[in-house]
Amino acid sequence: MHEHLYFSMKETHSISRRSLVRNSVLMMLAGFVPKSGFSHTGGEEKHSSMLSPGLPHDRYPAIPLSVASEVVGVAHFNLERLKELVDPRPELAKATWDWGFGDWESAMAAATHVGRRDIVDYLISKGAAPTLFTFALLGHYETVKAMITACPGIQKTLGPHGISLLQHAKTGLQADGVDKRNAQQLIDYLESLGDADGIKYLDMKEQEKVKYLGDYKYGEGEEDGFTIKLNMRKMLSLGKPGKSGGALYRIGENEFTYQGAPSVTVRFIIQNEKVVSLVLHEPGLELRASKR
C-alpha cells in the first residue's frame, strides 16, 4: 500500500485503494465541460463488445454521464448549445451533475446562480422545475417568503458550490429581466432574517494564500494528484492536476472545506514554515498528497 494513503480498517477489506481514490476525486473541477455530446466516452467504448447490436452505450437506457455533465456545464453560459442538447430530448432539462464530493448541481441551479434568466426560462419551458433559489434569483418576494413561512429555517439551506439564498437574490438584482424593486424587497427581507447568507468562513490575506499554491501528488499516475490555484474570485481552489476546481473555504489554521461540503476537509501540513503536503478527509478515506 502506498505510504501516503490510509483507510479505516472497516473499509479496507471491501474497497480497493485505486477504485476508491478515483471515484472520490474524479470530475471535481467545476470548469470541466465535455465536448463529446452523445458520443461514447472511453469507459463506454471499453465494454462495447458486450453490447447488443444497435445499443449506443453500456449505461443504456440511462443517459450517458458525459451528456449529463455537458448539459449542466453549458447551462451556466451557452443557451444555443443547451438548446442543441435539450430540444431533441427535453428530459435533459432536468440533468444533474456532481462536481466533486457531493457538490450536486442541476441545469436549473447552474443557470440560477449565474443569473441567466433567459436560460432559466428556457429550462422551465422544457419541463425543469424552478426551486427556492430560482425564485430568489427572479425576485419573487411573496413566493420566497411563503416558502420560508411554510418551512422555517429553509433560508439557511445552501445551493450548489455553497452559495447562499441571499447571494442568489443579490445576483437577481443585477440580472436582466428581473424587477429591481421586488428584488430589493426580497434582499431586505432575507437580510432581516439574519441567517440567509450561509456560513461565515475565516478570512485570509492575499499574501497568506501564496504558500498553498502548487501541485500535490498522491500516486504515480498523471491524474493522481491535485493543483491548488486561485480561481476567478481570487479564492484558493482544488482541482485535478493543472486544472481549476472547487473553492476552498478556510475553517481553521491551515484547514479548509471544499465548496462548503460539511463532510470534506483539506488540511495542509507545514514544516519549517513551508507547506509540504495536504491531507484530504472524507467519509471512509484519508488521502495524503505531497507537494511537488
Protein backbone atom coordinates (compact mmCIF):
# COMPACT_ATOMS: atom_id res chain seq x y z
CA MET A 1 0.00 0.00 0.00
CA HIS A 2 1.24 3.46 -0.89
CA GLU A 3 2.78 5.12 2.14
CA HIS A 4 0.63 8.23 1.78
CA LEU A 5 -2.76 6.51 1.55
CA TYR A 6 -4.73 5.30 4.54
CA PHE A 7 -8.17 3.76 5.04
CA SER A 8 -10.19 2.92 8.10
CA MET A 9 -9.92 -0.78 8.96
CA LYS A 10 -13.59 -1.46 8.30
CA GLU A 11 -13.22 -0.25 4.72
CA THR A 12 -10.02 -1.91 3.59
CA HIS A 13 -11.49 -5.38 3.10
CA SER A 14 -14.15 -4.23 0.63
CA ILE A 15 -12.79 -1.26 -1.26
CA SER A 16 -9.60 -1.18 -3.27
CA ARG A 17 -7.30 1.79 -2.95
CA ARG A 18 -7.32 2.74 -6.61
CA SER A 19 -11.08 2.45 -7.18
CA LEU A 20 -11.94 4.46 -4.09
CA VAL A 21 -9.46 7.22 -4.84
CA ARG A 22 -10.51 7.56 -8.44
CA ASN A 23 -14.24 7.50 -7.63
CA SER A 24 -13.80 10.03 -4.84
CA VAL A 25 -11.88 12.66 -6.75
CA LEU A 26 -12.93 12.16 -10.37
CA MET A 27 -14.54 15.16 -12.02
CA MET A 28 -14.25 17.61 -9.13
CA LEU A 29 -13.17 20.52 -11.30
CA ALA A 30 -16.06 22.89 -11.72
CA GLY A 31 -14.77 24.21 -15.02
CA PHE A 32 -14.91 20.88 -16.87
CA VAL A 33 -17.41 20.72 -19.73
CA PRO A 34 -17.10 17.68 -22.01
CA LYS A 35 -17.40 18.30 -25.74
CA SER A 36 -18.39 14.80 -26.66
CA GLY A 37 -22.15 15.34 -26.72
CA PHE A 38 -23.83 12.00 -27.20
CA SER A 39 -20.63 10.27 -28.34
CA HIS A 40 -19.17 7.39 -26.36
CA THR A 41 -16.66 8.03 -23.62
CA GLY A 42 -13.62 5.84 -23.19
CA GLY A 43 -15.32 3.93 -20.38
CA GLU A 44 -18.36 3.24 -22.54
CA GLU A 45 -16.34 2.08 -25.53
CA LYS A 46 -14.32 -0.31 -23.38
CA HIS A 47 -17.35 -2.58 -22.97
CA SER A 48 -18.78 -2.08 -26.45
CA SER A 49 -18.16 -5.74 -27.36
CA MET A 50 -20.70 -6.72 -24.70
CA LEU A 51 -23.49 -4.59 -26.19
CA SER A 52 -26.33 -5.86 -28.30
CA PRO A 53 -26.28 -4.52 -31.87
CA GLY A 54 -27.72 -1.00 -32.01
CA LEU A 55 -27.36 -0.08 -28.34
CA PRO A 56 -25.48 3.23 -28.05
CA HIS A 57 -23.54 2.76 -24.78
CA ASP A 58 -23.08 0.44 -21.82
CA ARG A 59 -25.26 2.56 -19.47
CA TYR A 60 -28.28 2.15 -21.74
CA PRO A 61 -31.09 3.01 -21.06
CA ALA A 62 -29.55 5.53 -18.63
CA ILE A 63 -28.31 8.80 -20.14
CA PRO A 64 -24.51 8.82 -20.71
CA LEU A 65 -22.67 10.62 -17.95
CA SER A 66 -20.85 12.79 -20.49
CA VAL A 67 -24.18 14.17 -21.71
CA ALA A 68 -25.48 15.00 -18.23
CA SER A 69 -22.20 16.75 -17.46
CA GLU A 70 -22.28 18.83 -20.61
CA VAL A 71 -25.89 19.90 -20.13
CA VAL A 72 -25.18 21.17 -16.61
CA GLY A 73 -21.93 22.77 -17.74
CA VAL A 74 -23.35 24.76 -20.66
CA ALA A 75 -26.43 25.75 -18.63
CA HIS A 76 -24.13 28.27 -16.95
CA PHE A 77 -23.45 30.27 -20.09
CA ASN A 78 -24.34 28.79 -23.50
CA LEU A 79 -28.03 28.82 -24.38
CA GLU A 80 -27.50 27.84 -28.02
CA ARG A 81 -25.53 24.70 -27.17
CA LEU A 82 -28.03 23.88 -24.43
CA LYS A 83 -30.84 24.01 -26.99
CA GLU A 84 -28.91 21.67 -29.29
CA LEU A 85 -28.81 19.13 -26.48
CA VAL A 86 -32.23 19.62 -24.90
CA ASP A 87 -34.55 20.41 -27.84
CA PRO A 88 -34.43 16.85 -29.22
CA ARG A 89 -34.53 15.35 -25.72
CA PRO A 90 -36.41 17.62 -23.23
CA GLU A 91 -35.73 15.18 -20.38
CA LEU A 92 -32.21 16.60 -20.27
CA ALA A 93 -33.59 19.87 -18.88
CA LYS A 94 -33.61 18.03 -15.53
CA ALA A 95 -29.98 16.87 -15.75
CA THR A 96 -27.91 16.90 -12.56
CA TRP A 97 -24.16 16.53 -12.01
CA ASP A 98 -21.79 16.05 -9.06
CA TRP A 99 -18.77 18.33 -9.50
CA GLY A 100 -16.98 16.59 -6.65
CA PHE A 101 -17.50 15.48 -3.05
CA GLY A 102 -21.30 15.70 -3.40
CA ASP A 103 -21.41 19.20 -4.91
CA TRP A 104 -24.58 18.36 -6.83
CA GLU A 105 -25.86 20.86 -9.38
CA SER A 106 -28.79 20.73 -11.77
CA ALA A 107 -29.03 22.58 -15.06
CA MET A 108 -31.62 24.82 -13.42
CA ALA A 109 -29.32 25.51 -10.46
CA ALA A 110 -26.46 26.34 -12.83
CA ALA A 111 -28.46 28.94 -14.74
CA THR A 112 -29.88 30.28 -11.49
CA HIS A 113 -26.70 31.01 -9.57
CA VAL A 114 -25.07 32.84 -12.51
CA GLY A 115 -28.16 34.97 -13.12
CA ARG A 116 -29.10 33.70 -16.60
CA ARG A 117 -32.82 34.49 -16.66
CA ASP A 118 -33.03 33.51 -20.33
CA ILE A 119 -31.64 30.03 -19.65
CA VAL A 120 -33.89 29.63 -16.61
CA ASP A 121 -36.96 30.45 -18.73
CA TYR A 122 -35.86 28.02 -21.43
CA LEU A 123 -35.33 25.16 -18.96
CA ILE A 124 -38.75 25.78 -17.38
CA SER A 125 -40.31 25.63 -20.86
CA LYS A 126 -38.72 22.19 -21.30
CA GLY A 127 -40.01 20.77 -18.02
CA ALA A 128 -37.41 21.70 -15.41
CA ALA A 129 -38.85 22.82 -12.08
CA PRO A 130 -37.86 26.16 -10.52
CA THR A 131 -36.51 25.96 -6.98
CA LEU A 132 -36.39 28.24 -3.95
CA PHE A 133 -33.11 29.59 -5.31
CA THR A 134 -34.70 30.24 -8.71
CA PHE A 135 -37.49 32.26 -7.14
CA ALA A 136 -34.85 34.19 -5.17
CA LEU A 137 -32.99 35.00 -8.38
CA LEU A 138 -36.22 36.16 -10.02
CA GLY A 139 -37.01 38.45 -7.10
CA HIS A 140 -40.29 36.74 -6.22
CA TYR A 141 -40.57 38.18 -2.73
CA GLU A 142 -44.00 36.79 -1.87
CA THR A 143 -43.16 33.31 -3.13
CA VAL A 144 -39.88 33.07 -1.24
CA LYS A 145 -41.44 34.46 1.93
CA ALA A 146 -44.30 31.96 1.71
CA MET A 147 -41.87 29.06 1.29
CA ILE A 148 -39.84 30.16 4.30
CA THR A 149 -43.03 30.55 6.35
CA ALA A 150 -44.09 27.04 5.34
CA CYS A 151 -40.64 25.56 6.07
CA PRO A 152 -38.99 27.62 8.83
CA GLY A 153 -35.20 27.54 8.58
CA ILE A 154 -35.10 26.71 4.88
CA GLN A 155 -33.44 30.08 4.28
CA LYS A 156 -30.25 28.59 5.75
CA THR A 157 -30.05 25.91 3.04
CA LEU A 158 -27.12 26.34 0.68
CA GLY A 159 -27.22 25.88 -3.08
CA PRO A 160 -24.53 24.37 -5.32
CA HIS A 161 -20.96 25.40 -4.52
CA GLY A 162 -22.12 26.58 -1.08
CA ILE A 163 -23.90 29.67 -2.50
CA SER A 164 -26.46 31.11 -0.09
CA LEU A 165 -30.09 32.07 -0.69
CA LEU A 166 -29.29 35.73 -0.06
CA GLN A 167 -26.49 35.67 -2.63
CA HIS A 168 -28.91 34.27 -5.22
CA ALA A 169 -31.25 37.18 -4.50
CA LYS A 170 -28.39 39.67 -4.87
CA THR A 171 -27.45 38.08 -8.20
CA GLY A 172 -31.04 38.65 -9.31
CA LEU A 173 -30.74 42.34 -8.58
CA GLN A 174 -28.12 42.52 -11.36
CA ALA A 175 -29.78 40.07 -13.77
CA ASP A 176 -31.61 41.06 -16.94
CA GLY A 177 -35.39 40.78 -16.87
CA VAL A 178 -35.77 40.90 -13.08
CA ASP A 179 -37.94 43.53 -11.36
CA LYS A 180 -35.41 45.53 -9.33
CA ARG A 181 -37.92 46.77 -6.77
CA ASN A 182 -39.11 43.29 -5.93
CA ALA A 183 -35.53 42.03 -5.91
CA GLN A 184 -34.50 44.68 -3.38
CA GLN A 185 -37.56 43.95 -1.23
CA LEU A 186 -36.56 40.31 -1.15
CA ILE A 187 -32.95 41.14 -0.27
CA ASP A 188 -34.11 43.37 2.60
CA TYR A 189 -36.37 40.58 3.89
CA LEU A 190 -33.66 37.91 3.74
CA GLU A 191 -31.15 40.19 5.44
CA SER A 192 -33.66 40.81 8.22
CA LEU A 193 -33.75 37.07 8.97
CA GLY A 194 -30.06 37.14 9.88
CA ASP A 195 -29.27 33.60 8.70
CA ALA A 196 -29.91 33.54 4.94
CA ASP A 197 -26.34 34.27 3.87
CA GLY A 198 -24.73 30.92 4.61
CA ILE A 199 -21.75 30.02 6.74
CA LYS A 200 -19.21 32.68 7.65
CA TYR A 201 -15.74 31.33 6.94
CA LEU A 202 -12.43 32.70 8.16
CA ASP A 203 -10.80 35.47 6.17
CA MET A 204 -7.40 35.18 4.52
CA LYS A 205 -5.00 37.85 3.40
CA GLU A 206 -3.80 37.64 -0.18
CA GLN A 207 -0.19 37.01 0.81
CA GLU A 208 -1.24 34.08 3.01
CA LYS A 209 -2.62 32.17 0.03
CA VAL A 210 0.67 32.01 -1.87
CA LYS A 211 2.23 29.30 0.29
CA TYR A 212 -0.51 26.80 -0.60
CA LEU A 213 -0.31 27.19 -4.38
CA GLY A 214 1.21 24.38 -6.44
CA ASP A 215 0.89 20.72 -7.42
CA TYR A 216 0.38 17.84 -4.99
CA LYS A 217 0.78 14.11 -5.79
CA TYR A 218 -0.66 11.05 -4.05
CA GLY A 219 0.18 8.37 -6.63
CA GLU A 220 2.22 7.57 -9.72
CA GLY A 221 -0.41 8.22 -12.39
CA GLU A 222 -0.71 11.52 -14.26
CA GLU A 223 -4.11 12.18 -12.71
CA ASP A 224 -3.10 11.07 -9.20
CA GLY A 225 -2.86 14.48 -7.68
CA PHE A 226 -4.28 17.96 -7.22
CA THR A 227 -3.45 21.51 -8.19
CA ILE A 228 -4.08 24.34 -5.77
CA LYS A 229 -4.53 27.66 -7.56
CA LEU A 230 -6.54 30.88 -7.33
CA ASN A 231 -9.93 30.96 -9.04
CA MET A 232 -11.61 33.92 -10.73
CA ARG A 233 -12.71 35.23 -7.32
CA LYS A 234 -9.09 35.05 -6.09
CA MET A 235 -10.01 32.21 -3.74
CA LEU A 236 -7.93 29.08 -3.26
CA SER A 237 -9.29 26.20 -5.34
CA LEU A 238 -8.57 22.48 -5.56
CA GLY A 239 -8.77 20.70 -8.91
CA LYS A 240 -7.26 17.86 -10.88
CA PRO A 241 -3.62 18.35 -11.98
CA GLY A 242 -3.22 21.59 -13.89
CA LYS A 243 -6.94 22.40 -13.67
CA SER A 244 -9.11 24.78 -11.72
CA GLY A 245 -11.58 23.26 -9.31
CA GLY A 246 -13.85 23.96 -6.40
CA ALA A 247 -13.21 26.73 -3.90
CA LEU A 248 -11.55 26.07 -0.55
CA TYR A 249 -13.15 27.88 2.40
CA ARG A 250 -10.98 28.39 5.45
CA ILE A 251 -12.32 26.82 8.65
CA GLY A 252 -9.18 26.75 10.80
CA GLU A 253 -5.42 27.09 10.88
CA ASN A 254 -4.26 25.63 7.54
CA GLU A 255 -7.61 23.82 7.29
CA PHE A 256 -10.32 24.25 4.66
CA THR A 257 -13.58 22.76 3.43
CA TYR A 258 -14.24 22.04 -0.26
CA GLN A 259 -17.11 24.15 -1.63
CA GLY A 260 -18.64 24.12 1.84
CA ALA A 261 -19.15 20.33 1.84
CA PRO A 262 -19.69 19.53 5.55
CA SER A 263 -18.03 16.09 5.42
CA VAL A 264 -14.88 17.09 3.49
CA THR A 265 -11.81 18.85 4.88
CA VAL A 266 -8.43 19.69 3.38
CA ARG A 267 -5.60 20.24 5.86
CA PHE A 268 -2.15 21.48 4.83
CA ILE A 269 0.90 20.15 6.66
CA ILE A 270 3.57 22.75 7.47
CA GLN A 271 7.23 22.00 8.16
CA ASN A 272 9.85 24.71 8.67
CA GLU A 273 7.24 27.30 7.70
CA LYS A 274 6.65 25.66 4.30
CA VAL A 275 3.73 23.57 3.03
CA VAL A 276 4.94 20.01 2.40
CA SER A 277 1.67 18.13 1.83
CA LEU A 278 -2.08 18.18 2.15
CA VAL A 279 -4.36 15.66 3.81
CA LEU A 280 -7.86 15.28 2.40
CA HIS A 281 -10.52 13.75 4.64
CA GLU A 282 -13.89 12.47 3.51
CA PRO A 283 -16.04 9.66 4.95
CA GLY A 284 -14.07 6.41 4.72
CA LEU A 285 -10.95 7.98 3.26
CA GLU A 286 -7.86 9.86 4.35
CA LEU A 287 -5.63 10.83 1.44
CA ARG A 288 -2.21 12.47 1.76
CA ALA A 289 -0.65 14.23 -1.23
CA SER A 290 2.91 15.57 -1.20
CA LYS A 291 3.71 18.99 -2.61
CA ARG A 292 5.99 19.00 -5.65
